[in-house]
Amino acid sequence: MRVIVGAVAVVAFVAFGGGIANAQKGDDCREVVRASASAPGTGPIAKVRARERAISVWRDRVAARYGGRFTTWLKAHDRSVGCDPLGSRTRCTAEAFPCRKW
């Protein structure tokens, strides 16, 4: 019975990533970084601007924590940006595991 419980725990840890990005062979990834930013307005242009700003803030936070070699958004794993209207503004939150390729 202990073997089955242990096996289930290991499978769950691997399947859900255990809190660390599922890096490709040769990738060097760090812990998840989240950043938010907003832009005036609630239309599609405001959403694009808020998204760009959130990714820019994400890059700044990554650079401060891990250095410039980890700041490329397209190399990050499990990237996501969620945007919502907030009054007369649009607020976006960017989240990803910063990685660098060897």
C-alpha atoms as a PDB file:
ATOM      1  CA  MET A   1       0.000   0.000   0.000  1.00  0.00           C
ATOM      2  CA  ARG A   2       2.866   2.406   0.808  1.00  0.00           C
ATOM      3  CA  VAL A   3       4.394   1.742  -2.596  1.00  0.00           C
ATOM      4  CA  ILE A   4       1.159   2.696  -4.340  1.00  0.00           C
ATOM      5  CA  VAL A   5       0.777   5.906  -2.316  1.00  0.00           C
ATOM      6  CA  GLY A   6       4.412   6.802  -2.994  1.00  0.00           C
ATOM      7  CA  ALA A   7       4.020   6.091  -6.707  1.00  0.00           C
ATOM      8  CA  VAL A   8       0.890   8.260  -6.898  1.00  0.00           C
ATOM      9  CA  ALA A   9       2.727  11.116  -5.156  1.00  0.00           C
ATOM     10  CA  VAL A  10       5.642  10.889  -7.587  1.00  0.00           C
ATOM     11  CA  VAL A  11       3.338  10.796 -10.614  1.00  0.00           C
ATOM     12  CA  ALA A  12       1.378  13.809  -9.333  1.00  0.00           C
ATOM     13  CA  PHE A  13       4.595  15.762  -8.699  1.00  0.00           C
ATOM     14  CA  VAL A  14       5.920  15.023 -12.193  1.00  0.00           C
ATOM     15  CA  ALA A  15       2.574  15.587 -13.928  1.00  0.00           C
ATOM     16  CA  PHE A  16       1.967  18.963 -12.333  1.00  0.00           C
ATOM     17  CA  GLY A  17       5.555  20.146 -12.559  1.00  0.00           C
ATOM     18  CA  GLY A  18       6.202  20.419  -8.861  1.00  0.00           C
ATOM     19  CA  GLY A  19       6.211  24.223  -9.107  1.00  0.00           C
ATOM     20  CA  ILE A  20       9.113  24.371 -11.552  1.00  0.00           C
ATOM     21  CA  ALA A  21       8.906  24.767 -15.312  1.00  0.00           C
ATOM     22  CA  ASN A  22       9.094  21.710 -17.516  1.00  0.00           C
ATOM     23  CA  ALA A  23      12.401  22.662 -19.129  1.00  0.00           C
ATOM     24  CA  GLN A  24      13.598  21.214 -22.382  1.00  0.00           C
ATOM     25  CA  LYS A  25      16.947  19.473 -22.364  1.00  0.00           C
ATOM     26  CA  GLY A  26      19.593  22.158 -22.136  1.00  0.00           C
ATOM     27  CA  ASP A  27      17.302  24.890 -20.751  1.00  0.00           C
ATOM     28  CA  ASP A  28      18.193  26.617 -17.518  1.00  0.00           C
ATOM     29  CA  CYS A  29      14.955  27.831 -15.850  1.00  0.00           C
ATOM     30  CA  ARG A  30      14.176  29.671 -12.626  1.00  0.00           C
ATOM     31  CA  GLU A  31      11.130  30.096 -10.368  1.00  0.00           C
ATOM     32  CA  VAL A  32       7.980  31.713 -11.748  1.00  0.00           C
ATOM     33  CA  VAL A  33       7.862  35.512 -11.955  1.00  0.00           C
ATOM     34  CA  ARG A  34       4.620  37.544 -12.031  1.00  0.00           C
ATOM     35  CA  ALA A  35       4.213  41.185 -13.006  1.00  0.00           C
ATOM     36  CA  SER A  36       1.238  43.486 -13.592  1.00  0.00           C
ATOM     37  CA  ALA A  37       0.724  46.740 -15.463  1.00  0.00           C
ATOM     38  CA  SER A  38      -2.186  48.801 -16.755  1.00  0.00           C
ATOM     39  CA  ALA A  39      -3.070  51.175 -19.568  1.00  0.00           C
ATOM     40  CA  PRO A  40      -5.840  53.752 -19.903  1.00  0.00           C
ATOM     41  CA  GLY A  41      -8.990  52.594 -21.668  1.00  0.00           C
ATOM     42  CA  THR A  42     -10.797  49.283 -21.966  1.00  0.00           C
ATOM     43  CA  GLY A  43     -10.713  48.580 -25.708  1.00  0.00           C
ATOM     44  CA  PRO A  44      -8.405  46.355 -27.750  1.00  0.00           C
ATOM     45  CA  ILE A  45      -5.662  48.996 -28.051  1.00  0.00           C
ATOM     46  CA  ALA A  46      -5.596  49.428 -24.271  1.00  0.00           C
ATOM     47  CA  LYS A  47      -5.346  45.658 -23.893  1.00  0.00           C
ATOM     48  CA  VAL A  48      -2.352  45.498 -26.257  1.00  0.00           C
ATOM     49  CA  ARG A  49      -0.612  48.350 -24.415  1.00  0.00           C
ATOM     50  CA  ALA A  50      -1.282  46.859 -20.970  1.00  0.00           C
ATOM     51  CA  ARG A  51      -0.041  43.459 -22.180  1.00  0.00           C
ATOM     52  CA  GLU A  52       3.183  44.974 -23.538  1.00  0.00           C
ATOM     53  CA  ARG A  53       3.718  46.889 -20.291  1.00  0.00           C
ATOM     54  CA  ALA A  54       3.133  43.792 -18.147  1.00  0.00           C
ATOM     55  CA  ILE A  55       5.698  41.819 -20.159  1.00  0.00           C
ATOM     56  CA  SER A  56       8.142  44.732 -19.868  1.00  0.00           C
ATOM     57  CA  VAL A  57       7.691  44.807 -16.075  1.00  0.00           C
ATOM     58  CA  TRP A  58       8.146  41.002 -16.062  1.00  0.00           C
ATOM     59  CA  ARG A  59      11.468  41.421 -17.918  1.00  0.00           C
ATOM     60  CA  ASP A  60      12.607  44.085 -15.427  1.00  0.00           C
ATOM     61  CA  ARG A  61      11.791  41.829 -12.457  1.00  0.00           C
ATOM     62  CA  VAL A  62      13.534  38.863 -14.051  1.00  0.00           C
ATOM     63  CA  ALA A  63      16.641  40.960 -14.759  1.00  0.00           C
ATOM     64  CA  ALA A  64      16.721  42.156 -11.156  1.00  0.00           C
ATOM     65  CA  ARG A  65      16.405  38.606  -9.771  1.00  0.00           C
ATOM     66  CA  TYR A  66      18.296  36.442 -12.238  1.00  0.00           C
ATOM     67  CA  GLY A  67      20.222  38.707 -14.622  1.00  0.00           C
ATOM     68  CA  GLY A  68      19.777  39.764 -18.223  1.00  0.00           C
ATOM     69  CA  ARG A  69      20.281  36.316 -19.756  1.00  0.00           C
ATOM     70  CA  PHE A  70      16.835  35.200 -18.518  1.00  0.00           C
ATOM     71  CA  THR A  71      14.735  38.134 -19.762  1.00  0.00           C
ATOM     72  CA  THR A  72      13.641  36.832 -23.178  1.00  0.00           C
ATOM     73  CA  TRP A  73       9.865  36.367 -22.961  1.00  0.00           C
ATOM     74  CA  LEU A  74       9.735  33.884 -25.867  1.00  0.00           C
ATOM     75  CA  LYS A  75      12.261  31.588 -24.140  1.00  0.00           C
ATOM     76  CA  ALA A  76      10.262  31.522 -20.907  1.00  0.00           C
ATOM     77  CA  HIS A  77       8.206  28.433 -20.104  1.00  0.00           C
ATOM     78  CA  ASP A  78       4.483  28.338 -19.294  1.00  0.00           C
ATOM     79  CA  ARG A  79       3.959  31.938 -20.407  1.00  0.00           C
ATOM     80  CA  SER A  80       0.587  33.522 -19.775  1.00  0.00           C
ATOM     81  CA  VAL A  81      -0.868  37.018 -19.793  1.00  0.00           C
ATOM     82  CA  GLY A  82      -4.324  37.675 -18.393  1.00  0.00           C
ATOM     83  CA  CYS A  83      -6.074  41.007 -18.884  1.00  0.00           C
ATOM     84  CA  ASP A  84      -9.180  42.484 -17.269  1.00  0.00           C
ATOM     85  CA  PRO A  85     -10.876  45.886 -17.349  1.00  0.00           C
ATOM     86  CA  LEU A  86     -10.451  47.785 -14.109  1.00  0.00           C
ATOM     87  CA  GLY A  87     -12.662  50.869 -14.096  1.00  0.00           C
ATOM     88  CA  SER A  88     -11.488  53.066 -16.958  1.00  0.00           C
ATOM     89  CA  ARG A  89      -8.228  51.087 -17.369  1.00  0.00           C
ATOM     90  CA  THR A  90      -7.140  47.643 -18.522  1.00  0.00           C
ATOM     91  CA  ARG A  91      -4.853  45.672 -16.204  1.00  0.00           C
ATOM     92  CA  CYS A  92      -2.737  42.738 -17.370  1.00  0.00           C
ATOM     93  CA  THR A  93      -0.670  40.252 -15.412  1.00  0.00           C
ATOM     94  CA  ALA A  94       2.213  38.394 -17.068  1.00  0.00           C
ATOM     95  CA  GLU A  95       3.477  35.143 -15.555  1.00  0.00           C
ATOM     96  CA  ALA A  96       6.205  32.777 -16.715  1.00  0.00           C
ATOM     97  CA  PHE A  97       9.229  30.731 -15.696  1.00  0.00           C
ATOM     98  CA  PRO A  98      12.289  32.629 -16.980  1.00  0.00           C
ATOM     99  CA  CYS A  99      14.702  30.394 -18.905  1.00  0.00           C
ATOM    100  CA  ARG A 100      17.869  30.687 -20.889  1.00  0.00           C
ATOM    101  CA  LYS A 101      19.051  28.281 -23.553  1.00  0.00           C
ATOM    102  CA  TRP A 102      22.557  26.879 -23.452  1.00  0.00           C
END
